Amino acid sequence: MNIKNAKFFCCAVLIAVSISIKSFAQKAVPHSYYLDTTGNDNNTGTKTSPFKTIQKISSIHLNPSDAINFKAGQTFNGELKIAEGIKGNKLHPISIRSYGNGRAIINADSISAISLFKTAYISVSNLILKGAGRKTGNHKPGLDVAYSDHISINNVDISGFQKAGLSVYISSFVIAKNINAHDNGYAGISLLGTYGHKNVSDVKLINCRAENNPGDPTELDNHSGNGIVAGFCKNILIDGCTANNNGWDMPRIGNGPVGIWAYEADNVIIQHCLAYENKTHAHADDGGGFDFDGGVTNSIIQYCVSYGNQGAGYCLFQYAGAGPWHHNIVRYNIGENDGTVSPAQAGIYVWNSSYDPKQFYDCDFYSNIIYNSKRAALSFANPNANQDFHYHDNIFVAADNLIIGRDSLNLSEYTGNDWWSIKSGFNIDGTKELKAWATKTGKEMKDGKITGLNIFPKFKSPGMAHITSASQIPAFIKSHYELADPKLRAKLKLLQLPSN
């Protein structure tokens, strides 16, 4: 190498090293912007020289590791828009949060409080988002996540929005923890893709609460007032969440809201959740606790508790035009006194308006306790055509008649269940003995022997549930549903319920 080339090579190396060091420094040092209502938008945005308004921070281009910090205890008016193309990365997400003691409030009035549109690796935490009210001026969701991925949300309180408190639309890899979505319209939390596409995916809702979301006054053609609803989705986990007192002001007379449910969805797991005292329009349907609705596949509801819902605690529904419903499991759950207002009139409700059993098949319903001192345990709507539905090793308790309606194709299988009528000991359609019913119908029979039981379950204070949080489920089961009879204890694994 001659001297000229050597000098050129050394200069190139030095320039490359300089650029690399500069680039590394830019990536490694986060830029934190601070907002304080006593600040000024002409300031530099530092903690000692903060900005004042959301409008100022919305105009700044954010880079990986940047942070927006709202002063706790203060109220900031307007909408924080994180625009298309703003992205953090896996190691350096962009943060939106409060600083100081407590949480800051974003008062959105008629619009959304925070909008994330075509963004990635954004973290939102420790904030209170408020709208003007579902009937008093607001017309948007509270925290609106659209066409985004790798979004993290934690400890956010959302209320006063006409649509969903938290709306996730055509997005993926979203985790929301400790969200309290209350006093909104359409839903507390909504996960929604587009028709024919399960393009909301890989979402986790952990320890969230959806409470008192009564209904969207502008939604006259479909349900509203849901707690947590997931549609056109796949790979969804809803864990340790609570939904209560939703749906009581839905304007529609027709299909209604549910506490926690999914439709047109694949691989949904709802577990360790509580749904209680959810409601519907006085002349509408649904209003249940949990629901696998039209087009749900390969999904599980487990270790949940429902009580006092106007609709059934556990809804198994298929509607005309939905994709096939199949390979779903409902296990290790408890339901108390659900279905007293809606057409369900029972703890479990089976309905299929497609009239086609090939559209509604393969459900494994086992090791559940359905206790209903006011109505039936199991209800079949008309229509309800289904096949390969297996109910086994459950405990069914009803006020009197245990099953109402007719399984239209008579294809449901029952094995090893315990049946108990509070009034009659046993009663299904007027048949007052398990043996007589099994012999007549072929249900609860295997190899010529009766598999079912007719044993009084020795529950402690059944029908008296009063828990208000999913975190109370293990203690509730232990105090109310320990079983003295060894035959019943062997059927249920509720006492080995895993922790959240």
Protein backbone atom coordinates (compact mmCIF):
# COMPACT_ATOMS: atom_id res chain seq x y z
CA MET A 1 0.00 0.00 0.00
CA ASN A 2 1.47 3.38 -0.99
CA ILE A 3 1.47 6.42 1.32
CA LYS A 4 -1.41 8.12 -0.50
CA ASN A 5 -3.65 5.07 -0.24
CA ALA A 6 -2.66 4.54 3.39
CA LYS A 7 -3.63 8.12 4.27
CA PHE A 8 -6.94 7.70 2.46
CA PHE A 9 -7.62 4.41 4.28
CA CYS A 10 -6.83 5.95 7.69
CA CYS A 11 -9.10 8.91 7.01
CA ALA A 12 -11.92 6.59 5.96
CA VAL A 13 -11.52 4.53 9.13
CA LEU A 14 -11.53 7.64 11.31
CA ILE A 15 -14.66 8.98 9.61
CA ALA A 16 -16.43 5.62 9.99
CA VAL A 17 -15.47 5.38 13.67
CA SER A 18 -16.61 8.96 14.23
CA ILE A 19 -19.97 8.29 12.59
CA SER A 20 -20.40 5.07 14.59
CA ILE A 21 -19.59 6.79 17.88
CA LYS A 22 -21.97 9.64 17.06
CA SER A 23 -24.72 7.19 16.05
CA PHE A 24 -24.21 5.12 19.19
CA ALA A 25 -24.36 8.23 21.35
CA GLN A 26 -27.57 9.35 19.71
CA LYS A 27 -29.21 5.96 20.26
CA ALA A 28 -27.95 5.46 23.79
CA VAL A 29 -28.96 8.84 25.24
CA PRO A 30 -32.72 9.25 25.56
CA HIS A 31 -34.35 12.62 25.09
CA SER A 32 -36.96 13.26 27.78
CA TYR A 33 -39.58 15.94 27.26
CA TYR A 34 -41.43 17.31 30.28
CA LEU A 35 -44.85 18.94 30.46
CA ASP A 36 -46.03 21.15 33.32
CA THR A 37 -49.07 23.42 33.25
CA THR A 38 -46.87 26.19 34.66
CA GLY A 39 -44.39 25.73 31.80
CA ASN A 40 -44.12 27.47 28.43
CA ASP A 41 -44.12 26.02 24.94
CA ASN A 42 -41.15 28.24 24.11
CA ASN A 43 -39.08 26.43 26.71
CA THR A 44 -36.63 23.65 25.90
CA GLY A 45 -38.84 20.89 27.33
CA THR A 46 -36.45 19.81 30.06
CA LYS A 47 -37.54 19.09 33.62
CA THR A 48 -36.37 22.52 34.75
CA SER A 49 -37.70 24.24 31.61
CA PRO A 50 -40.85 22.28 30.71
CA PHE A 51 -43.35 22.65 27.91
CA LYS A 52 -46.93 23.54 28.77
CA THR A 53 -49.28 21.92 26.26
CA ILE A 54 -49.99 18.66 24.50
CA GLN A 55 -50.12 20.55 21.22
CA LYS A 56 -46.43 21.40 21.56
CA ILE A 57 -45.31 17.85 22.26
CA SER A 58 -47.49 16.49 19.43
CA SER A 59 -45.46 18.57 16.97
CA ILE A 60 -42.12 17.00 17.96
CA HIS A 61 -40.66 14.05 16.05
CA LEU A 62 -39.84 11.33 18.54
CA ASN A 63 -36.96 8.88 18.27
CA PRO A 64 -36.18 5.59 20.02
CA SER A 65 -35.67 5.97 23.79
CA ASP A 66 -37.43 9.35 23.87
CA ALA A 67 -39.94 9.93 26.66
CA ILE A 68 -42.91 12.23 27.19
CA ASN A 69 -43.43 13.03 30.87
CA PHE A 70 -46.62 14.64 32.18
CA LYS A 71 -46.45 16.12 35.66
CA ALA A 72 -48.51 14.05 38.08
CA GLY A 73 -51.56 15.68 39.63
CA GLN A 74 -52.05 18.11 36.76
CA THR A 75 -54.59 18.16 33.93
CA PHE A 76 -53.54 18.60 30.29
CA ASN A 77 -56.20 19.35 27.69
CA GLY A 78 -56.32 17.93 24.19
CA GLU A 79 -55.23 14.85 22.28
CA LEU A 80 -51.72 13.44 22.20
CA LYS A 81 -51.21 12.17 18.65
CA ILE A 82 -48.27 9.90 17.96
CA ALA A 83 -48.22 10.07 14.21
CA GLU A 84 -47.51 7.59 11.47
CA GLY A 85 -43.92 6.45 11.32
CA ILE A 86 -43.00 7.27 14.92
CA LYS A 87 -41.30 4.13 16.20
CA GLY A 88 -39.09 3.02 19.01
CA ASN A 89 -37.36 -0.31 18.89
CA LYS A 90 -37.15 -3.43 21.03
CA LEU A 91 -34.33 -2.13 23.21
CA HIS A 92 -35.35 1.53 23.12
CA PRO A 93 -39.13 2.04 23.20
CA ILE A 94 -40.72 5.47 23.28
CA SER A 95 -42.38 6.19 26.64
CA ILE A 96 -45.47 8.23 27.51
CA ARG A 97 -45.96 8.53 31.25
CA SER A 98 -46.43 10.62 34.40
CA TYR A 99 -43.63 11.89 36.59
CA GLY A 100 -43.80 12.83 40.25
CA ASN A 101 -46.27 11.44 42.79
CA GLY A 102 -49.49 10.03 41.34
CA ARG A 103 -50.77 10.29 37.79
CA ALA A 104 -51.36 13.10 35.33
CA ILE A 105 -54.74 13.57 33.66
CA ILE A 106 -55.26 14.01 29.94
CA ASN A 107 -58.62 15.68 29.43
CA ALA A 108 -59.65 14.91 25.86
CA ASP A 109 -63.15 16.42 25.95
CA SER A 110 -64.84 15.35 22.67
CA ILE A 111 -61.93 13.43 21.10
CA SER A 112 -59.41 10.70 21.97
CA ALA A 113 -56.88 11.28 24.73
CA ILE A 114 -54.01 9.36 23.07
CA SER A 115 -53.87 8.12 19.47
CA LEU A 116 -51.20 5.75 18.18
CA PHE A 117 -51.40 5.40 14.39
CA LYS A 118 -48.96 3.19 12.49
CA THR A 119 -46.47 3.27 15.35
CA ALA A 120 -44.27 0.65 17.02
CA TYR A 121 -42.58 0.04 20.35
CA ILE A 122 -44.53 2.63 22.32
CA SER A 123 -45.05 2.39 26.09
CA VAL A 124 -47.96 4.20 27.80
CA SER A 125 -48.14 4.10 31.60
CA ASN A 126 -49.39 5.74 34.79
CA LEU A 127 -51.95 8.12 33.28
CA ILE A 128 -55.62 9.04 33.67
CA LEU A 129 -57.52 9.61 30.43
CA LYS A 130 -60.85 11.42 30.55
CA GLY A 131 -63.48 12.20 27.94
CA ALA A 132 -66.52 14.47 28.15
CA GLY A 133 -68.86 11.49 28.54
CA ARG A 134 -70.57 9.03 26.22
CA LYS A 135 -73.74 11.16 26.13
CA THR A 136 -72.29 14.57 26.89
CA GLY A 137 -70.00 15.38 24.00
CA ASN A 138 -67.40 12.69 23.45
CA HIS A 139 -67.54 10.59 20.26
CA LYS A 140 -64.20 8.71 20.22
CA PRO A 141 -62.28 5.93 21.98
CA GLY A 142 -60.02 6.94 24.86
CA LEU A 143 -56.70 5.27 24.03
CA ASP A 144 -56.82 4.53 20.31
CA VAL A 145 -54.23 2.04 19.01
CA ALA A 146 -54.48 1.50 15.24
CA TYR A 147 -52.22 -0.23 12.70
CA SER A 148 -49.49 -0.47 15.33
CA ASP A 149 -47.33 -3.16 16.90
CA HIS A 150 -45.36 -3.82 20.04
CA ILE A 151 -47.40 -1.48 22.22
CA SER A 152 -47.21 -1.70 26.02
CA ILE A 153 -49.87 -0.12 28.27
CA ASN A 154 -49.82 -0.23 32.07
CA ASN A 155 -51.73 1.39 34.94
CA VAL A 156 -54.01 3.60 32.87
CA ASP A 157 -57.48 4.72 33.97
CA ILE A 158 -59.85 5.47 31.04
CA SER A 159 -63.36 6.92 31.33
CA GLY A 160 -65.90 9.16 29.64
CA PHE A 161 -65.48 8.05 26.02
CA GLN A 162 -68.37 7.16 23.73
CA LYS A 163 -66.59 4.28 22.02
CA ALA A 164 -64.18 1.91 23.78
CA GLY A 165 -62.00 3.04 26.63
CA LEU A 166 -59.08 1.14 25.09
CA SER A 167 -59.47 0.39 21.39
CA VAL A 168 -56.98 -1.87 19.59
CA TYR A 169 -57.62 -1.96 15.83
CA ILE A 170 -55.63 -3.99 13.28
CA SER A 171 -52.60 -4.17 15.56
CA SER A 172 -50.34 -6.85 16.97
CA PHE A 173 -48.09 -7.62 19.93
CA VAL A 174 -49.99 -5.42 22.36
CA ILE A 175 -49.84 -5.99 26.10
CA ALA A 176 -52.18 -4.08 28.40
CA LYS A 177 -51.90 -4.50 32.17
CA ASN A 178 -53.83 -2.96 35.03
CA ILE A 179 -56.21 -0.99 32.81
CA ASN A 180 -59.34 0.39 34.48
CA ALA A 181 -61.79 1.17 31.67
CA HIS A 182 -65.05 2.45 33.11
CA ASP A 183 -68.01 4.68 32.26
CA ASN A 184 -67.41 4.43 28.52
CA GLY A 185 -69.96 3.60 25.83
CA TYR A 186 -69.28 0.80 23.36
CA ALA A 187 -66.92 -1.18 25.59
CA GLY A 188 -64.33 -0.99 28.29
CA ILE A 189 -61.76 -2.68 26.04
CA SER A 190 -62.24 -3.55 22.36
CA LEU A 191 -59.96 -5.62 20.14
CA LEU A 192 -61.18 -5.40 16.57
CA GLY A 193 -59.86 -6.55 13.20
CA THR A 194 -61.58 -6.40 9.82
CA TYR A 195 -64.20 -8.74 8.41
CA GLY A 196 -62.66 -11.92 7.02
CA HIS A 197 -59.25 -11.20 8.53
CA LYS A 198 -57.97 -12.00 12.00
CA ASN A 199 -55.65 -9.01 11.87
CA VAL A 200 -55.54 -8.22 15.55
CA SER A 201 -53.06 -10.73 16.93
CA ASP A 202 -50.83 -11.57 19.86
CA VAL A 203 -52.59 -9.38 22.41
CA LYS A 204 -52.47 -9.86 26.18
CA LEU A 205 -54.89 -8.24 28.62
CA ILE A 206 -53.66 -8.81 32.16
CA ASN A 207 -55.42 -7.78 35.39
CA CYS A 208 -57.67 -5.30 33.63
CA ARG A 209 -61.07 -4.07 34.78
CA ALA A 210 -64.05 -3.11 32.59
CA GLU A 211 -66.78 -1.65 34.74
CA ASN A 212 -69.97 0.32 34.14
CA ASN A 213 -69.64 0.74 30.39
CA PRO A 214 -73.38 1.09 29.71
CA GLY A 215 -73.67 1.37 25.92
CA ASP A 216 -73.04 3.63 22.92
CA PRO A 217 -76.09 5.87 22.36
CA THR A 218 -75.29 6.13 18.64
CA GLU A 219 -75.00 2.36 18.02
CA LEU A 220 -78.52 1.39 16.98
CA ASP A 221 -77.76 -1.58 14.69
CA ASN A 222 -75.54 -3.76 16.86
CA HIS A 223 -74.54 -4.57 20.43
CA SER A 224 -72.74 -2.13 22.73
CA GLY A 225 -72.01 -1.89 26.42
CA ASN A 226 -69.48 -4.72 26.50
CA GLY A 227 -66.85 -5.20 29.14
CA ILE A 228 -64.07 -6.76 27.04
CA VAL A 229 -64.77 -7.83 23.45
CA ALA A 230 -62.41 -9.38 20.87
CA GLY A 231 -63.44 -9.73 17.23
CA PHE A 232 -61.55 -10.85 14.11
CA CYS A 233 -58.56 -11.75 16.26
CA LYS A 234 -56.07 -14.53 16.91
CA ASN A 235 -53.68 -15.44 19.71
CA ILE A 236 -55.43 -13.49 22.47
CA LEU A 237 -54.89 -13.92 26.23
CA ILE A 238 -57.34 -12.37 28.69
CA ASP A 239 -56.04 -13.20 32.16
CA GLY A 240 -57.12 -12.06 35.62
CA CYS A 241 -59.62 -9.51 34.29
CA THR A 242 -62.91 -8.34 35.79
CA ALA A 243 -66.06 -7.16 34.01
CA ASN A 244 -69.13 -5.94 35.84
CA ASN A 245 -72.24 -3.78 35.48
CA ASN A 246 -71.80 -3.27 31.76
CA GLY A 247 -74.51 -3.00 29.12
CA TRP A 248 -77.37 -1.53 31.16
CA ASP A 249 -78.04 1.36 28.75
CA MET A 250 -77.64 -0.28 25.34
CA PRO A 251 -80.12 1.45 22.98
CA ARG A 252 -80.58 -1.53 20.67
CA ILE A 253 -83.36 -4.09 21.03
CA GLY A 254 -81.71 -7.22 19.63
CA ASN A 255 -78.37 -8.88 20.19
CA GLY A 256 -76.76 -7.53 23.33
CA PRO A 257 -73.47 -7.09 25.15
CA VAL A 258 -71.46 -9.54 27.27
CA GLY A 259 -68.95 -9.13 30.09
CA ILE A 260 -65.97 -10.84 28.40
CA TRP A 261 -66.29 -12.48 25.00
CA ALA A 262 -64.90 -13.19 21.54
CA TYR A 263 -66.23 -13.73 18.03
CA GLU A 264 -64.57 -14.63 14.72
CA ALA A 265 -61.44 -15.39 16.70
CA ASP A 266 -58.87 -18.19 16.94
CA ASN A 267 -56.76 -19.29 19.90
CA VAL A 268 -58.36 -17.12 22.56
CA ILE A 269 -57.68 -17.97 26.21
CA ILE A 270 -59.91 -16.39 28.86
CA GLN A 271 -58.73 -17.46 32.30
CA HIS A 272 -58.85 -16.47 35.98
CA CYS A 273 -61.48 -13.85 35.10
CA LEU A 274 -64.59 -12.61 36.91
CA ALA A 275 -67.79 -11.44 35.21
CA TYR A 276 -70.67 -10.38 37.41
CA GLU A 277 -73.89 -8.38 37.26
CA ASN A 278 -73.56 -7.56 33.57
CA LYS A 279 -76.74 -6.43 31.89
CA THR A 280 -78.56 -5.86 28.62
CA HIS A 281 -81.53 -3.94 27.25
CA ALA A 282 -84.76 -5.00 28.93
CA HIS A 283 -86.03 -6.47 25.64
CA ALA A 284 -82.70 -7.62 24.17
CA ASP A 285 -80.60 -10.77 24.29
CA ASP A 286 -77.22 -11.68 25.75
CA GLY A 287 -76.13 -9.73 28.84
CA GLY A 288 -74.04 -12.73 29.84
CA GLY A 289 -70.80 -13.26 31.71
CA PHE A 290 -68.58 -15.07 29.18
CA ASP A 291 -69.23 -15.93 25.54
CA PHE A 292 -67.62 -17.79 22.67
CA ASP A 293 -69.69 -16.41 19.83
CA GLY A 294 -69.84 -16.91 16.06
CA GLY A 295 -66.68 -18.18 14.38
CA VAL A 296 -64.60 -18.85 17.50
CA THR A 297 -62.14 -21.74 17.12
CA ASN A 298 -59.47 -23.52 19.19
CA SER A 299 -60.19 -21.44 22.28
CA ILE A 300 -60.55 -21.94 26.05
CA ILE A 301 -62.47 -20.43 28.97
CA GLN A 302 -61.02 -21.73 32.23
CA TYR A 303 -60.77 -20.96 35.96
CA CYS A 304 -63.36 -18.19 35.71
CA VAL A 305 -66.32 -17.16 37.87
CA SER A 306 -69.60 -15.62 36.77
CA TYR A 307 -72.54 -14.59 38.90
CA GLY A 308 -75.65 -12.47 38.78
CA ASN A 309 -75.45 -11.71 35.08
CA GLN A 310 -78.76 -10.99 33.34
CA GLY A 311 -77.73 -13.38 30.57
CA ALA A 312 -76.17 -16.82 30.93
CA GLY A 313 -72.88 -17.10 32.72
CA TYR A 314 -71.41 -19.13 29.83
CA CYS A 315 -72.73 -18.55 26.31
CA LEU A 316 -72.03 -20.89 23.38
CA PHE A 317 -73.31 -19.08 20.31
CA GLN A 318 -73.07 -19.30 16.54
CA TYR A 319 -74.73 -16.78 14.25
CA ALA A 320 -75.61 -17.07 10.57
CA GLY A 321 -72.83 -15.82 8.31
CA ALA A 322 -70.02 -16.39 10.78
CA GLY A 323 -67.13 -18.73 10.11
CA PRO A 324 -67.47 -22.24 11.57
CA TRP A 325 -67.39 -22.52 15.39
CA HIS A 326 -65.41 -25.52 16.62
CA HIS A 327 -62.79 -27.09 18.90
CA ASN A 328 -63.51 -24.98 21.96
CA ILE A 329 -63.14 -25.88 25.65
CA VAL A 330 -64.93 -24.58 28.75
CA ARG A 331 -63.51 -26.05 31.96
CA TYR A 332 -62.91 -25.49 35.70
CA ASN A 333 -65.34 -22.57 35.93
CA ILE A 334 -68.10 -21.59 38.36
CA GLY A 335 -71.41 -19.91 37.55
CA GLU A 336 -73.95 -18.72 40.11
CA ASN A 337 -77.50 -17.52 39.48
CA ASP A 338 -77.02 -16.20 35.95
CA GLY A 339 -79.54 -15.83 33.14
CA THR A 340 -82.53 -14.58 35.11
CA VAL A 341 -83.49 -11.73 32.74
CA SER A 342 -82.47 -12.65 29.17
CA PRO A 343 -84.09 -15.48 27.19
CA ALA A 344 -81.32 -17.77 28.50
CA GLN A 345 -83.04 -18.42 31.86
CA ALA A 346 -80.07 -20.62 32.78
CA GLY A 347 -76.39 -20.70 33.63
CA ILE A 348 -75.40 -22.07 30.20
CA TYR A 349 -77.04 -21.03 26.93
CA VAL A 350 -76.60 -22.81 23.58
CA TRP A 351 -77.78 -21.03 20.41
CA ASN A 352 -77.11 -21.45 16.68
CA SER A 353 -78.96 -19.28 14.18
CA SER A 354 -77.11 -20.84 11.23
CA TYR A 355 -79.30 -23.95 11.72
CA ASP A 356 -76.32 -25.99 10.51
CA PRO A 357 -74.55 -28.37 12.93
CA LYS A 358 -71.55 -28.42 10.58
CA GLN A 359 -71.09 -24.76 11.50
CA PHE A 360 -71.29 -25.42 15.25
CA TYR A 361 -69.41 -28.43 16.55
CA ASP A 362 -66.82 -29.88 18.92
CA CYS A 363 -67.15 -28.33 22.36
CA ASP A 364 -65.69 -29.93 25.46
CA PHE A 365 -67.49 -28.62 28.57
CA TYR A 366 -66.14 -30.24 31.72
CA SER A 367 -65.32 -29.93 35.42
CA ASN A 368 -67.50 -26.83 35.85
CA ILE A 369 -69.93 -25.98 38.64
CA ILE A 370 -73.16 -24.38 37.41
CA TYR A 371 -75.32 -23.43 40.38
CA ASN A 372 -78.65 -21.72 39.78
CA SER A 373 -81.14 -21.49 42.62
CA LYS A 374 -83.38 -19.24 40.50
CA ARG A 375 -83.48 -20.84 37.06
CA ALA A 376 -82.16 -23.84 35.09
CA ALA A 377 -78.57 -25.01 34.71
CA LEU A 378 -78.57 -25.52 30.94
CA SER A 379 -80.74 -23.89 28.27
CA PHE A 380 -81.11 -24.66 24.59
CA ALA A 381 -82.42 -21.85 22.42
CA ASN A 382 -84.50 -22.51 19.36
CA PRO A 383 -82.50 -22.93 17.10
CA ASN A 384 -79.47 -24.71 18.54
CA ALA A 385 -78.32 -27.38 16.04
CA ASN A 386 -74.93 -28.67 17.21
CA GLN A 387 -72.84 -31.80 17.16
CA ASP A 388 -69.98 -33.24 19.20
CA PHE A 389 -70.78 -31.18 22.28
CA HIS A 390 -69.59 -33.13 25.32
CA TYR A 391 -70.65 -32.23 28.87
CA HIS A 392 -68.80 -34.35 31.38
CA ASP A 393 -67.74 -34.33 35.03
CA ASN A 394 -69.68 -31.14 35.79
CA ILE A 395 -71.94 -30.35 38.73
CA PHE A 396 -75.29 -28.95 37.58
CA VAL A 397 -77.65 -27.49 40.20
CA ALA A 398 -80.95 -25.80 39.32
CA ALA A 399 -83.97 -24.42 41.11
CA ASP A 400 -86.03 -27.26 39.67
CA ASN A 401 -85.89 -28.23 35.98
CA LEU A 402 -82.22 -28.74 35.17
CA ILE A 403 -82.46 -28.37 31.38
CA ILE A 404 -84.89 -26.14 29.51
CA GLY A 405 -85.47 -26.14 25.78
CA ARG A 406 -84.65 -28.97 23.42
CA ASP A 407 -81.31 -30.08 22.03
CA SER A 408 -82.82 -30.12 18.55
CA LEU A 409 -80.63 -32.87 17.10
CA ASN A 410 -80.27 -34.73 20.40
CA LEU A 411 -76.55 -35.15 19.73
CA SER A 412 -75.11 -33.66 22.92
CA GLU A 413 -73.30 -36.19 25.09
CA TYR A 414 -73.50 -36.22 28.90
CA THR A 415 -71.22 -38.44 30.97
CA GLY A 416 -70.24 -38.41 34.61
CA ASN A 417 -72.11 -35.25 35.58
CA ASP A 418 -73.78 -34.70 38.93
CA TRP A 419 -77.36 -33.41 38.58
CA TRP A 420 -79.25 -31.84 41.46
CA SER A 421 -82.62 -30.11 41.53
CA ILE A 422 -83.07 -27.98 44.66
CA LYS A 423 -86.83 -28.51 44.63
CA SER A 424 -87.15 -32.06 43.34
CA GLY A 425 -83.79 -33.74 43.82
CA PHE A 426 -83.81 -34.51 40.09
CA ASN A 427 -85.97 -33.05 37.35
CA ILE A 428 -85.40 -32.91 33.62
CA ASP A 429 -88.57 -32.31 31.62
CA GLY A 430 -90.70 -33.80 34.35
CA THR A 431 -88.63 -36.98 34.75
CA LYS A 432 -87.84 -37.11 38.46
CA GLU A 433 -85.23 -39.85 38.55
CA LEU A 434 -81.77 -39.94 37.00
CA LYS A 435 -82.07 -43.63 36.15
CA ALA A 436 -85.39 -43.14 34.36
CA TRP A 437 -84.05 -40.18 32.38
CA ALA A 438 -80.85 -41.99 31.43
CA THR A 439 -82.74 -45.09 30.34
CA LYS A 440 -85.24 -43.10 28.30
CA THR A 441 -82.74 -40.81 26.54
CA GLY A 442 -79.48 -42.77 26.50
CA LYS A 443 -77.78 -39.82 28.17
CA GLU A 444 -75.38 -40.47 31.06
CA MET A 445 -75.05 -44.04 29.80
CA LYS A 446 -71.91 -45.95 28.81
CA ASP A 447 -71.67 -49.66 28.12
CA GLY A 448 -75.14 -50.11 29.59
CA LYS A 449 -74.23 -48.42 32.89
CA ILE A 450 -75.27 -45.05 34.28
CA THR A 451 -72.32 -42.69 34.51
CA GLY A 452 -74.12 -39.72 36.05
CA LEU A 453 -74.76 -38.93 39.70
CA ASN A 454 -77.66 -37.48 41.64
CA ILE A 455 -75.85 -36.31 44.78
CA PHE A 456 -76.61 -33.23 46.86
CA PRO A 457 -73.40 -31.13 46.62
CA LYS A 458 -72.38 -29.87 50.03
CA PHE A 459 -71.39 -26.36 49.02
CA LYS A 460 -70.89 -23.64 51.63
CA SER A 461 -73.23 -20.66 51.10
CA PRO A 462 -73.87 -21.39 47.40
CA GLY A 463 -75.46 -18.61 45.38
CA MET A 464 -74.06 -15.98 47.73
CA ALA A 465 -71.08 -14.78 45.71
CA HIS A 466 -70.00 -11.24 46.51
CA ILE A 467 -66.45 -11.03 45.21
CA THR A 468 -65.61 -7.95 43.17
CA SER A 469 -62.19 -8.72 41.71
CA ALA A 470 -60.71 -11.62 39.78
CA SER A 471 -57.90 -11.72 42.31
CA GLN A 472 -60.42 -13.01 44.89
CA ILE A 473 -61.35 -16.13 42.89
CA PRO A 474 -59.00 -18.64 44.63
CA ALA A 475 -60.17 -17.62 48.11
CA PHE A 476 -63.82 -17.67 46.97
CA ILE A 477 -63.52 -21.22 45.65
CA LYS A 478 -61.85 -22.43 48.80
CA SER A 479 -64.41 -20.86 51.12
CA HIS A 480 -67.57 -21.73 49.13
CA TYR A 481 -66.86 -24.78 47.00
CA GLU A 482 -64.79 -27.26 48.93
CA LEU A 483 -66.60 -30.55 48.45
CA ALA A 484 -67.07 -33.05 51.23
CA ASP A 485 -68.29 -35.91 49.05
CA PRO A 486 -65.28 -37.77 47.60
CA LYS A 487 -67.22 -38.74 44.47
CA LEU A 488 -67.72 -35.09 43.59
CA ARG A 489 -64.28 -33.93 44.68
CA ALA A 490 -62.69 -36.41 42.27
CA LYS A 491 -64.55 -34.83 39.35
CA LEU A 492 -63.31 -31.30 39.89
CA LYS A 493 -59.84 -29.84 39.98
CA LEU A 494 -60.94 -26.38 41.07
CA LEU A 495 -59.09 -26.63 44.37
CA GLN A 496 -55.84 -27.00 42.44
CA LEU A 497 -56.55 -23.71 40.66
CA PRO A 498 -53.27 -22.10 39.60
CA SER A 499 -52.39 -18.62 40.77
CA ASN A 500 -52.70 -15.68 38.36
